[in-house]
Amino acid sequence: MTKIFKTDCQLEREKRDRAIYDEYNALTAIEGQSRTRVNEYLMKKYGIHSVGTIYQIRARVERAIKEEEVAI
C-alpha cells in the first residue's frame, strides 16, 4: 500500500470533519431531534457559515469511511 503524505492543515481538517460527522450522527439519533437545529448548532460551534458546508463535510467523511472499508 502506498503511503499518503498530508499537510498539517489536511490532517486537522480531517479531524474536524470527522468530529462534525460523529457529533451530527449522535445528535440526530435522538428521537424528535431537529436536524435543522443540529446543523445550526454545529455551524456555530465550528465557525461554519453555510449549511451546505455541513452537508459537504458529512458526504466527504461518508465517502472516506466507505473507502476505508473497501481497503480492508
Protein backbone atom coordinates (compact mmCIF):
# COMPACT_ATOMS: atom_id res chain seq x y z
CA MET A 1 0.00 0.00 0.00
CA THR A 2 1.29 3.45 -0.91
CA LYS A 3 1.99 5.93 1.88
CA ILE A 4 -0.06 9.13 1.51
CA PHE A 5 1.59 12.27 2.86
CA LYS A 6 -0.70 15.03 4.12
CA THR A 7 -0.07 18.52 5.38
CA ASP A 8 -0.88 19.51 8.94
CA CYS A 9 -3.82 21.52 7.58
CA GLN A 10 -5.25 18.46 5.80
CA LEU A 11 -4.90 16.33 8.92
CA GLU A 12 -6.54 19.00 11.09
CA ARG A 13 -9.44 19.38 8.63
CA GLU A 14 -9.99 15.62 8.50
CA LYS A 15 -10.05 15.52 12.30
CA ARG A 16 -12.56 18.40 12.45
CA ASP A 17 -14.71 16.87 9.71
CA ARG A 18 -14.84 13.51 11.50
CA ALA A 19 -15.82 15.27 14.74
CA ILE A 20 -18.66 17.08 12.93
CA TYR A 21 -19.80 13.83 11.28
CA ASP A 22 -19.77 11.89 14.56
CA GLU A 23 -21.50 14.64 16.53
CA TYR A 24 -24.17 15.12 13.84
CA ASN A 25 -24.95 11.39 13.84
CA ALA A 26 -25.04 11.21 17.64
CA LEU A 27 -27.35 14.21 17.95
CA THR A 28 -29.72 13.24 15.15
CA ALA A 29 -30.07 9.71 16.57
CA ILE A 30 -32.09 11.19 19.43
CA GLU A 31 -35.83 10.75 18.88
CA GLY A 32 -37.56 14.01 17.91
CA GLN A 33 -34.31 15.91 17.34
CA SER A 34 -34.47 18.73 14.80
CA ARG A 35 -31.86 18.27 12.07
CA THR A 36 -32.09 21.96 11.24
CA ARG A 37 -31.21 22.91 14.81
CA VAL A 38 -28.40 20.35 14.89
CA ASN A 39 -26.96 21.90 11.73
CA GLU A 40 -27.23 25.39 13.24
CA TYR A 41 -25.54 24.20 16.44
CA LEU A 42 -22.66 22.60 14.53
CA MET A 43 -22.26 25.65 12.30
CA LYS A 44 -21.95 27.89 15.34
CA LYS A 45 -19.66 25.51 17.24
CA TYR A 46 -17.21 25.04 14.35
CA GLY A 47 -17.46 28.51 12.78
CA ILE A 48 -19.09 27.32 9.57
CA HIS A 49 -21.21 29.86 7.71
CA SER A 50 -23.20 27.62 5.35
CA VAL A 51 -25.43 24.63 5.99
CA GLY A 52 -24.28 23.33 2.61
CA THR A 53 -20.78 23.03 4.05
CA ILE A 54 -22.11 20.72 6.77
CA TYR A 55 -23.66 18.51 4.09
CA GLN A 56 -20.43 18.51 2.09
CA ILE A 57 -18.39 17.57 5.16
CA ARG A 58 -20.75 14.73 6.03
CA ALA A 59 -20.65 13.41 2.45
CA ARG A 60 -16.84 13.64 2.35
CA VAL A 61 -16.46 11.70 5.61
CA GLU A 62 -19.03 9.13 4.46
CA ARG A 63 -17.01 8.53 1.27
CA ALA A 64 -13.77 8.23 3.27
CA ILE A 65 -15.35 5.67 5.59
CA LYS A 66 -16.57 3.60 2.64
CA GLU A 67 -13.12 3.76 1.04
CA GLU A 68 -11.52 2.55 4.28
CA GLU A 69 -13.97 -0.37 4.41
CA VAL A 70 -13.13 -1.36 0.85
CA ALA A 71 -9.39 -1.14 1.54
CA ILE A 72 -9.70 -3.55 4.46
